[in-house]
């Protein structure tokens, strides 16, 4: 069955490792008949959450801030699968991804009890380090986030040992990203 997949690419480098992994994943997903929508967050005008809890009044534009999140909200609502893609920054997500994800709370504000829509989720991450200790903080956060949202984890693609932009090119993890997308 065809799925709607939303990729939130939090990498600031449009030709970097995370972007290349997103490309491979998207190609794989499309080859399996899925629809893929990708947002490169670095190129978008997205402001941080104000914590005002005044959203949810207009489902089509749930946040009081009117910026490029207005492009993401409809795709998020329609998505069966949300892919969080980011380089590892200080053992967590990039600011671009965290900022956009925080703003998705406005969609929850449309629902009684601030219930988040139920989604399946996957993680794509590139990092300079490549040890279990290096990945642990980011994976712990990802698992905790999904637990609190009650989202299903579909898995992840982790590309370690890649610091320079494009270092992931030609490595087995590119094929892994394609196969992961195709397997959904």
N, C-alpha and C. Protein backbone atom coordinates (compact mmCIF):
# COMPACT_ATOMS: atom_id res chain seq x y z
N UNK A 1 0.83 -1.17 0.00
CA UNK A 1 0.00 0.00 0.00
C UNK A 1 0.88 1.25 0.00
N UNK A 2 0.59 2.17 -0.87
CA UNK A 2 1.37 3.40 -1.00
C UNK A 2 1.22 4.28 0.23
N UNK A 3 2.31 4.85 0.67
CA UNK A 3 2.33 5.73 1.85
C UNK A 3 2.73 7.14 1.45
N UNK A 4 2.26 8.11 2.22
CA UNK A 4 2.72 9.48 2.11
C UNK A 4 3.86 9.66 3.09
N UNK A 5 5.02 10.00 2.58
CA UNK A 5 6.22 10.14 3.41
C UNK A 5 6.65 11.60 3.40
N UNK A 6 6.86 12.13 4.58
CA UNK A 6 7.35 13.49 4.75
C UNK A 6 8.78 13.43 5.29
N UNK A 7 9.71 14.05 4.57
CA UNK A 7 11.09 14.16 5.03
C UNK A 7 11.33 15.58 5.50
N UNK A 8 11.72 15.74 6.76
CA UNK A 8 12.14 17.03 7.29
C UNK A 8 13.66 17.00 7.37
N UNK A 9 14.32 17.64 6.39
CA UNK A 9 15.77 17.64 6.30
C UNK A 9 16.32 18.84 7.07
N UNK A 10 16.92 18.56 8.21
CA UNK A 10 17.46 19.61 9.06
C UNK A 10 18.91 19.95 8.79
N UNK A 11 19.46 19.52 7.69
CA UNK A 11 20.85 19.83 7.39
C UNK A 11 20.99 21.22 6.77
N UNK A 12 21.99 21.98 7.20
CA UNK A 12 22.23 23.28 6.56
C UNK A 12 22.99 23.16 5.25
N UNK A 13 23.55 21.98 4.96
CA UNK A 13 24.32 21.79 3.73
C UNK A 13 23.46 21.06 2.70
N UNK A 14 23.14 21.76 1.63
CA UNK A 14 22.25 21.20 0.62
C UNK A 14 22.90 20.10 -0.21
N UNK A 15 24.20 19.98 -0.16
CA UNK A 15 24.91 18.90 -0.86
C UNK A 15 25.74 18.10 0.14
N UNK A 16 25.30 18.11 1.37
CA UNK A 16 26.02 17.41 2.43
C UNK A 16 25.60 15.97 2.58
N UNK A 17 26.11 15.35 3.60
CA UNK A 17 25.88 13.92 3.84
C UNK A 17 24.42 13.61 4.13
N UNK A 18 23.79 14.41 4.98
CA UNK A 18 22.39 14.16 5.31
C UNK A 18 21.51 14.31 4.07
N UNK A 19 21.79 15.35 3.28
CA UNK A 19 21.01 15.56 2.05
C UNK A 19 21.17 14.38 1.09
N UNK A 20 22.38 13.85 0.99
CA UNK A 20 22.62 12.71 0.10
C UNK A 20 21.89 11.47 0.60
N UNK A 21 21.86 11.28 1.91
CA UNK A 21 21.11 10.16 2.48
C UNK A 21 19.61 10.33 2.23
N UNK A 22 19.12 11.56 2.35
CA UNK A 22 17.70 11.83 2.06
C UNK A 22 17.38 11.52 0.60
N UNK A 23 18.29 11.90 -0.30
CA UNK A 23 18.09 11.62 -1.73
C UNK A 23 17.96 10.12 -1.96
N UNK A 24 18.87 9.35 -1.39
CA UNK A 24 18.86 7.90 -1.59
C UNK A 24 17.61 7.28 -0.99
N UNK A 25 17.27 7.69 0.21
CA UNK A 25 16.06 7.19 0.87
C UNK A 25 14.83 7.49 0.02
N UNK A 26 14.71 8.73 -0.47
CA UNK A 26 13.56 9.14 -1.27
C UNK A 26 13.47 8.33 -2.57
N UNK A 27 14.61 8.11 -3.21
CA UNK A 27 14.62 7.29 -4.43
C UNK A 27 14.10 5.89 -4.14
N UNK A 28 14.56 5.31 -3.05
CA UNK A 28 14.09 3.98 -2.67
C UNK A 28 12.60 3.95 -2.39
N UNK A 29 12.13 4.95 -1.65
CA UNK A 29 10.71 5.01 -1.30
C UNK A 29 9.85 5.19 -2.55
N UNK A 30 10.29 6.04 -3.46
CA UNK A 30 9.54 6.26 -4.70
C UNK A 30 9.53 4.99 -5.56
N UNK A 31 10.65 4.25 -5.54
CA UNK A 31 10.71 3.01 -6.33
C UNK A 31 9.71 1.98 -5.82
N UNK A 32 9.31 2.12 -4.55
CA UNK A 32 8.32 1.20 -3.96
C UNK A 32 6.90 1.75 -4.10
N UNK A 33 6.75 2.87 -4.80
CA UNK A 33 5.42 3.41 -5.06
C UNK A 33 4.92 4.42 -4.04
N UNK A 34 5.78 4.85 -3.14
CA UNK A 34 5.38 5.82 -2.12
C UNK A 34 5.49 7.25 -2.66
N UNK A 35 4.73 8.15 -2.09
CA UNK A 35 4.82 9.57 -2.39
C UNK A 35 5.72 10.21 -1.34
N UNK A 36 6.69 10.98 -1.80
CA UNK A 36 7.65 11.60 -0.89
C UNK A 36 7.60 13.11 -1.04
N UNK A 37 7.44 13.79 0.08
CA UNK A 37 7.52 15.25 0.13
C UNK A 37 8.68 15.59 1.05
N UNK A 38 9.56 16.44 0.57
CA UNK A 38 10.76 16.79 1.34
C UNK A 38 10.84 18.29 1.52
N UNK A 39 11.16 18.68 2.72
CA UNK A 39 11.41 20.08 3.03
C UNK A 39 12.85 20.22 3.51
N UNK A 40 13.61 21.06 2.82
CA UNK A 40 14.96 21.40 3.23
C UNK A 40 14.85 22.62 4.13
N UNK A 41 14.85 22.39 5.41
CA UNK A 41 14.50 23.42 6.39
C UNK A 41 15.44 24.61 6.39
N UNK A 42 16.70 24.41 6.03
CA UNK A 42 17.67 25.51 6.00
C UNK A 42 17.23 26.61 5.04
N UNK A 43 16.55 26.24 3.97
CA UNK A 43 16.14 27.22 2.96
C UNK A 43 14.82 27.90 3.31
N UNK A 44 14.23 27.54 4.43
CA UNK A 44 12.90 28.04 4.77
C UNK A 44 12.96 29.07 5.89
N UNK A 45 11.97 29.94 5.90
CA UNK A 45 11.84 30.96 6.93
C UNK A 45 10.93 30.41 8.03
N UNK A 46 11.56 29.81 9.04
CA UNK A 46 10.82 29.19 10.14
C UNK A 46 11.34 29.76 11.45
N UNK A 47 10.44 30.35 12.20
CA UNK A 47 10.80 30.95 13.48
C UNK A 47 10.58 29.95 14.61
N UNK A 48 11.28 30.15 15.70
CA UNK A 48 11.14 29.29 16.86
C UNK A 48 9.77 29.42 17.50
N UNK A 49 9.36 28.36 18.18
CA UNK A 49 8.08 28.35 18.88
C UNK A 49 8.09 29.44 19.95
N UNK A 50 6.96 30.14 20.08
CA UNK A 50 6.81 31.20 21.07
C UNK A 50 6.32 30.67 22.41
N UNK A 51 5.87 29.42 22.44
CA UNK A 51 5.34 28.85 23.67
C UNK A 51 4.08 29.56 24.13
N UNK A 52 3.36 30.15 23.21
CA UNK A 52 2.18 30.95 23.56
C UNK A 52 0.93 30.10 23.80
N UNK A 53 0.90 28.88 23.27
CA UNK A 53 -0.24 27.97 23.36
C UNK A 53 -1.52 28.68 22.90
N UNK A 54 -1.39 29.43 21.81
CA UNK A 54 -2.54 30.14 21.24
C UNK A 54 -2.87 29.64 19.84
N UNK A 55 -2.27 28.53 19.45
CA UNK A 55 -2.55 27.96 18.14
C UNK A 55 -3.79 27.10 18.17
N UNK A 56 -4.01 26.39 17.07
CA UNK A 56 -5.10 25.44 17.01
C UNK A 56 -6.45 26.00 16.66
N UNK A 57 -6.52 27.27 16.39
CA UNK A 57 -7.82 27.88 16.08
C UNK A 57 -8.20 27.74 14.61
N UNK A 58 -7.20 27.59 13.75
CA UNK A 58 -7.43 27.46 12.31
C UNK A 58 -6.66 26.24 11.82
N UNK A 59 -7.31 25.11 11.64
CA UNK A 59 -6.59 23.90 11.25
C UNK A 59 -5.68 24.03 10.02
N UNK A 60 -6.05 24.87 9.06
CA UNK A 60 -5.21 25.04 7.88
C UNK A 60 -3.94 25.84 8.19
N UNK A 61 -4.00 26.68 9.19
CA UNK A 61 -2.86 27.50 9.61
C UNK A 61 -2.85 27.53 11.13
N UNK A 62 -2.48 26.41 11.75
CA UNK A 62 -2.70 26.26 13.18
C UNK A 62 -1.87 27.15 14.10
N UNK A 63 -0.72 27.63 13.65
CA UNK A 63 0.14 28.44 14.51
C UNK A 63 -0.17 29.92 14.33
N UNK A 64 0.02 30.70 15.38
CA UNK A 64 -0.20 32.14 15.29
C UNK A 64 0.87 32.81 14.43
N UNK A 65 2.03 32.17 14.31
CA UNK A 65 3.08 32.71 13.44
C UNK A 65 2.81 32.27 12.01
N UNK A 66 2.92 33.19 11.10
CA UNK A 66 2.66 32.90 9.68
C UNK A 66 3.98 32.98 8.92
N UNK A 67 4.65 31.85 8.87
CA UNK A 67 5.92 31.75 8.16
C UNK A 67 5.88 30.50 7.28
N UNK A 68 7.02 29.97 6.91
CA UNK A 68 7.05 28.83 5.99
C UNK A 68 6.54 27.51 6.59
N UNK A 69 6.24 27.49 7.87
CA UNK A 69 5.60 26.29 8.44
C UNK A 69 4.25 26.06 7.77
N UNK A 70 3.66 27.10 7.21
CA UNK A 70 2.37 26.96 6.51
C UNK A 70 2.48 25.99 5.34
N UNK A 71 3.69 25.80 4.80
CA UNK A 71 3.91 24.83 3.73
C UNK A 71 4.01 23.41 4.30
N UNK A 72 4.54 23.30 5.50
CA UNK A 72 4.79 21.99 6.11
C UNK A 72 3.53 21.40 6.73
N UNK A 73 2.70 22.22 7.35
CA UNK A 73 1.53 21.70 8.07
C UNK A 73 0.66 20.77 7.23
N UNK A 74 0.27 21.14 6.01
CA UNK A 74 -0.58 20.21 5.24
C UNK A 74 0.11 18.88 4.94
N UNK A 75 1.40 18.92 4.61
CA UNK A 75 2.13 17.69 4.31
C UNK A 75 2.25 16.83 5.57
N UNK A 76 2.45 17.47 6.71
CA UNK A 76 2.54 16.74 7.98
C UNK A 76 1.23 16.05 8.30
N UNK A 77 0.14 16.75 8.12
CA UNK A 77 -1.18 16.17 8.43
C UNK A 77 -1.47 14.96 7.54
N UNK A 78 -1.04 15.01 6.28
CA UNK A 78 -1.30 13.94 5.33
C UNK A 78 -0.30 12.79 5.42
N UNK A 79 0.82 13.02 6.08
CA UNK A 79 1.89 12.02 6.11
C UNK A 79 1.52 10.81 6.95
N UNK A 80 1.84 9.65 6.40
CA UNK A 80 1.76 8.40 7.15
C UNK A 80 3.07 8.19 7.92
N UNK A 81 4.16 8.63 7.28
CA UNK A 81 5.51 8.44 7.83
C UNK A 81 6.21 9.80 7.84
N UNK A 82 6.83 10.12 8.97
CA UNK A 82 7.66 11.31 9.09
C UNK A 82 9.10 10.86 9.25
N UNK A 83 9.97 11.36 8.37
CA UNK A 83 11.39 11.06 8.45
C UNK A 83 12.10 12.29 8.99
N UNK A 84 12.76 12.10 10.12
CA UNK A 84 13.56 13.16 10.72
C UNK A 84 14.99 12.97 10.25
N UNK A 85 15.51 13.95 9.53
CA UNK A 85 16.86 13.85 8.96
C UNK A 85 17.70 15.00 9.47
N UNK A 86 18.88 14.66 9.98
CA UNK A 86 19.72 15.71 10.56
C UNK A 86 21.16 15.24 10.66
N UNK A 87 22.09 16.18 10.52
CA UNK A 87 23.43 15.87 10.98
C UNK A 87 23.42 15.91 12.50
N UNK A 88 24.32 15.22 13.12
CA UNK A 88 24.40 15.27 14.58
C UNK A 88 25.11 16.56 14.98
N UNK A 89 24.44 17.36 15.77
CA UNK A 89 25.02 18.59 16.33
C UNK A 89 25.04 18.45 17.83
N UNK A 90 26.21 18.41 18.39
CA UNK A 90 26.36 18.26 19.84
C UNK A 90 25.46 17.15 20.37
N UNK A 91 25.53 16.00 19.73
CA UNK A 91 24.88 14.75 20.12
C UNK A 91 23.35 14.85 20.10
N UNK A 92 22.83 15.66 19.19
CA UNK A 92 21.39 15.80 19.03
C UNK A 92 21.05 16.26 17.62
N UNK A 93 19.82 16.68 17.44
CA UNK A 93 19.34 17.18 16.15
C UNK A 93 19.87 18.59 15.90
N UNK A 94 19.92 18.98 14.63
CA UNK A 94 20.28 20.34 14.28
C UNK A 94 19.19 21.31 14.75
N UNK A 95 19.55 22.57 14.91
CA UNK A 95 18.58 23.58 15.30
C UNK A 95 17.46 23.72 14.27
N UNK A 96 17.79 23.54 12.99
CA UNK A 96 16.78 23.66 11.94
C UNK A 96 15.68 22.63 12.14
N UNK A 97 16.06 21.38 12.41
CA UNK A 97 15.06 20.33 12.60
C UNK A 97 14.30 20.53 13.90
N UNK A 98 15.00 20.83 14.96
CA UNK A 98 14.34 21.01 16.26
C UNK A 98 13.34 22.17 16.20
N UNK A 99 13.71 23.27 15.56
CA UNK A 99 12.82 24.42 15.46
C UNK A 99 11.54 24.06 14.72
N UNK A 100 11.67 23.40 13.57
CA UNK A 100 10.48 23.02 12.79
C UNK A 100 9.63 22.01 13.56
N UNK A 101 10.29 21.03 14.17
CA UNK A 101 9.53 20.01 14.88
C UNK A 101 8.77 20.60 16.07
N UNK A 102 9.40 21.52 16.80
CA UNK A 102 8.70 22.17 17.91
C UNK A 102 7.43 22.86 17.43
N UNK A 103 7.47 23.43 16.25
CA UNK A 103 6.32 24.16 15.72
C UNK A 103 5.18 23.24 15.32
N UNK A 104 5.41 21.95 15.21
CA UNK A 104 4.33 21.02 14.90
C UNK A 104 3.34 20.90 16.06
N UNK A 105 3.72 21.40 17.23
CA UNK A 105 2.80 21.40 18.38
C UNK A 105 1.51 22.14 18.05
N UNK A 106 1.57 23.11 17.16
CA UNK A 106 0.37 23.86 16.78
C UNK A 106 -0.69 22.93 16.19
N UNK A 107 -0.27 21.85 15.54
CA UNK A 107 -1.23 20.88 15.00
C UNK A 107 -1.89 20.14 16.17
N UNK A 108 -1.10 19.78 17.17
CA UNK A 108 -1.67 19.12 18.36
C UNK A 108 -2.67 20.04 19.06
N UNK A 109 -2.43 21.34 19.01
CA UNK A 109 -3.34 22.29 19.65
C UNK A 109 -4.74 22.27 19.03
N UNK A 110 -4.86 21.73 17.84
CA UNK A 110 -6.17 21.61 17.18
C UNK A 110 -7.00 20.48 17.76
N UNK A 111 -6.39 19.63 18.58
CA UNK A 111 -7.05 18.42 19.08
C UNK A 111 -7.29 18.51 20.59
N UNK A 112 -8.36 17.86 21.06
CA UNK A 112 -8.60 17.83 22.51
C UNK A 112 -7.41 17.24 23.25
N UNK A 113 -7.04 17.87 24.34
CA UNK A 113 -5.93 17.38 25.14
C UNK A 113 -4.59 17.49 24.45
N UNK A 114 -4.50 18.29 23.42
CA UNK A 114 -3.27 18.47 22.64
C UNK A 114 -2.74 17.14 22.09
N UNK A 115 -3.65 16.31 21.65
CA UNK A 115 -3.26 15.00 21.12
C UNK A 115 -2.53 15.18 19.79
N UNK A 116 -1.34 14.59 19.72
CA UNK A 116 -0.58 14.63 18.48
C UNK A 116 -1.13 13.61 17.51
N UNK A 117 -1.11 13.93 16.21
CA UNK A 117 -1.49 12.91 15.22
C UNK A 117 -0.56 11.71 15.35
N UNK A 118 -1.07 10.52 15.14
CA UNK A 118 -0.26 9.30 15.22
C UNK A 118 0.44 9.07 13.88
N UNK A 119 1.74 8.88 13.95
CA UNK A 119 2.56 8.71 12.76
C UNK A 119 3.53 7.57 12.96
N UNK A 120 4.04 7.05 11.86
CA UNK A 120 5.22 6.21 11.87
C UNK A 120 6.39 7.14 11.63
N UNK A 121 7.57 6.76 12.11
CA UNK A 121 8.70 7.68 12.03
C UNK A 121 9.99 6.91 11.76
N UNK A 122 10.91 7.60 11.09
CA UNK A 122 12.25 7.06 10.84
C UNK A 122 13.26 8.18 11.04
N UNK A 123 14.48 7.79 11.31
CA UNK A 123 15.56 8.75 11.53
C UNK A 123 16.67 8.52 10.53
N UNK A 124 17.15 9.61 9.94
CA UNK A 124 18.34 9.59 9.10
C UNK A 124 19.31 10.58 9.73
N UNK A 125 20.52 10.11 10.04
CA UNK A 125 21.48 11.00 10.70
C UNK A 125 22.89 10.70 10.23
N UNK A 126 23.65 11.77 10.02
CA UNK A 126 25.06 11.68 9.70
C UNK A 126 25.84 12.32 10.84
N UNK A 127 27.04 11.78 11.10
CA UNK A 127 27.84 12.31 12.20
C UNK A 127 29.32 12.06 11.95
N UNK A 128 30.13 12.88 12.57
CA UNK A 128 31.57 12.68 12.50
C UNK A 128 31.98 11.42 13.26
N UNK A 129 31.42 11.25 14.46
CA UNK A 129 31.74 10.08 15.27
C UNK A 129 30.97 8.87 14.81
N UNK A 130 31.46 7.70 15.21
CA UNK A 130 30.80 6.48 14.76
C UNK A 130 30.90 5.37 15.81
N UNK A 131 30.74 5.74 17.07
CA UNK A 131 30.76 4.73 18.12
C UNK A 131 29.38 4.67 18.77
N UNK A 132 29.12 3.59 19.48
CA UNK A 132 27.85 3.46 20.18
C UNK A 132 27.65 4.61 21.16
N UNK A 133 28.72 5.01 21.85
CA UNK A 133 28.62 6.14 22.79
C UNK A 133 28.28 7.44 22.07
N UNK A 134 28.79 7.61 20.88
CA UNK A 134 28.52 8.81 20.10
C UNK A 134 27.04 8.89 19.71
N UNK A 135 26.47 7.77 19.28
CA UNK A 135 25.08 7.75 18.81
C UNK A 135 24.07 7.77 19.96
N UNK A 136 24.46 7.29 21.12
CA UNK A 136 23.52 7.07 22.22
C UNK A 136 22.66 8.29 22.58
N UNK A 137 23.22 9.49 22.79
CA UNK A 137 22.35 10.61 23.18
C UNK A 137 21.29 10.94 22.13
N UNK A 138 21.67 10.94 20.87
CA UNK A 138 20.71 11.25 19.80
C UNK A 138 19.64 10.17 19.69
N UNK A 139 20.05 8.91 19.78
CA UNK A 139 19.07 7.82 19.69
C UNK A 139 18.17 7.78 20.92
N UNK A 140 18.72 8.09 22.10
CA UNK A 140 17.89 8.15 23.30
C UNK A 140 16.83 9.23 23.16
N UNK A 141 17.23 10.40 22.66
CA UNK A 141 16.26 11.48 22.47
C UNK A 141 15.18 11.07 21.46
N UNK A 142 15.62 10.51 20.35
CA UNK A 142 14.69 10.07 19.30
C UNK A 142 13.68 9.07 19.86
N UNK A 143 14.16 8.08 20.60
CA UNK A 143 13.26 7.06 21.17
C UNK A 143 12.31 7.69 22.20
N UNK A 144 12.81 8.58 23.03
CA UNK A 144 11.96 9.24 24.02
C UNK A 144 10.89 10.09 23.33
N UNK A 145 11.28 10.82 22.30
CA UNK A 145 10.34 11.64 21.55
C UNK A 145 9.21 10.78 21.00
N UNK A 146 9.57 9.68 20.34
CA UNK A 146 8.56 8.80 19.78
C UNK A 146 7.69 8.18 20.86
N UNK A 147 8.29 7.85 21.98
CA UNK A 147 7.51 7.29 23.08
C UNK A 147 6.45 8.25 23.59
N UNK A 148 6.84 9.49 23.78
CA UNK A 148 5.88 10.48 24.28
C UNK A 148 4.80 10.80 23.24
N UNK A 149 5.18 10.80 21.96
CA UNK A 149 4.21 11.07 20.90
C UNK A 149 3.35 9.85 20.58
N UNK A 150 3.78 8.69 21.06
CA UNK A 150 3.13 7.41 20.75
C UNK A 150 3.20 7.12 19.25
N UNK A 151 4.36 7.41 18.68
CA UNK A 151 4.63 7.12 17.28
C UNK A 151 5.39 5.81 17.18
N UNK A 152 5.23 5.14 16.05
CA UNK A 152 5.91 3.88 15.80
C UNK A 152 7.26 4.15 15.12
N UNK A 153 8.31 3.56 15.66
CA UNK A 153 9.65 3.69 15.10
C UNK A 153 9.82 2.66 13.99
N UNK A 154 10.13 3.12 12.79
CA UNK A 154 10.37 2.23 11.66
C UNK A 154 11.85 1.89 11.50
N UNK A 155 12.71 2.61 12.21
CA UNK A 155 14.13 2.34 12.13
C UNK A 155 14.92 3.58 11.77
N UNK A 156 16.20 3.36 11.49
CA UNK A 156 17.06 4.49 11.21
C UNK A 156 18.21 4.09 10.29
N UNK A 157 18.78 5.12 9.68
CA UNK A 157 20.02 5.00 8.92
C UNK A 157 20.99 5.96 9.58
N UNK A 158 22.10 5.42 10.07
CA UNK A 158 23.12 6.21 10.73
C UNK A 158 24.40 6.15 9.93
N UNK A 159 24.89 7.30 9.51
CA UNK A 159 26.13 7.38 8.74
C UNK A 159 27.19 8.04 9.60
N UNK A 160 28.03 7.23 10.21
CA UNK A 160 29.08 7.75 11.07
C UNK A 160 30.41 7.87 10.33
N UNK A 161 31.29 8.67 10.90
CA UNK A 161 32.61 8.84 10.31
C UNK A 161 32.61 9.72 9.08
N UNK A 162 31.58 10.56 8.95
CA UNK A 162 31.46 11.43 7.77
C UNK A 162 31.32 12.89 8.24
N UNK A 163 32.39 13.63 8.14
CA UNK A 163 32.36 15.03 8.56
C UNK A 163 32.32 15.97 7.37
N UNK A 164 33.19 15.76 6.40
CA UNK A 164 33.24 16.64 5.24
C UNK A 164 32.00 16.45 4.37
N UNK A 165 31.50 17.54 3.82
CA UNK A 165 30.33 17.48 2.93
C UNK A 165 30.61 16.51 1.79
N UNK A 166 29.70 15.58 1.58
CA UNK A 166 29.81 14.61 0.50
C UNK A 166 30.62 13.37 0.84
N UNK A 167 31.13 13.28 2.05
CA UNK A 167 31.96 12.13 2.44
C UNK A 167 31.20 10.81 2.38
N UNK A 168 29.90 10.87 2.44
CA UNK A 168 29.08 9.65 2.43
C UNK A 168 28.94 9.06 1.02
N UNK A 169 29.28 9.85 0.01
CA UNK A 169 29.14 9.39 -1.39
C UNK A 169 29.91 8.11 -1.62
N UNK A 170 29.26 7.16 -2.26
CA UNK A 170 29.90 5.92 -2.63
C UNK A 170 30.11 4.93 -1.49
N UNK A 171 29.57 5.23 -0.33
CA UNK A 171 29.71 4.31 0.80
C UNK A 171 28.50 3.39 0.88
N UNK A 172 28.62 2.27 1.55
CA UNK A 172 27.49 1.33 1.66
C UNK A 172 26.25 1.93 2.33
N UNK A 173 26.41 2.96 3.15
CA UNK A 173 25.26 3.52 3.84
C UNK A 173 24.30 4.23 2.87
N UNK A 174 24.79 4.66 1.72
CA UNK A 174 23.90 5.23 0.69
C UNK A 174 22.96 4.14 0.18
N UNK A 175 23.51 2.97 -0.08
CA UNK A 175 22.67 1.84 -0.50
C UNK A 175 21.71 1.43 0.61
N UNK A 176 22.20 1.49 1.85
CA UNK A 176 21.34 1.18 2.99
C UNK A 176 20.14 2.13 3.06
N UNK A 177 20.39 3.42 2.82
CA UNK A 177 19.31 4.42 2.83
C UNK A 177 18.30 4.13 1.72
N UNK A 178 18.79 3.77 0.53
CA UNK A 178 17.89 3.43 -0.58
C UNK A 178 17.04 2.21 -0.22
N UNK A 179 17.69 1.18 0.28
CA UNK A 179 16.96 -0.05 0.64
C UNK A 179 15.94 0.20 1.75
N UNK A 180 16.30 1.05 2.71
CA UNK A 180 15.38 1.38 3.79
C UNK A 180 14.12 2.07 3.23
N UNK A 181 14.33 3.04 2.36
CA UNK A 181 13.18 3.70 1.73
C UNK A 181 12.32 2.75 0.93
N UNK A 182 12.96 1.84 0.21
CA UNK A 182 12.24 0.87 -0.61
C UNK A 182 11.50 -0.16 0.21
N UNK A 183 11.95 -0.38 1.46
CA UNK A 183 11.36 -1.43 2.29
C UNK A 183 10.07 -1.00 3.00
N UNK A 184 9.77 0.25 2.98
CA UNK A 184 8.60 0.74 3.73
C UNK A 184 7.30 0.38 3.06
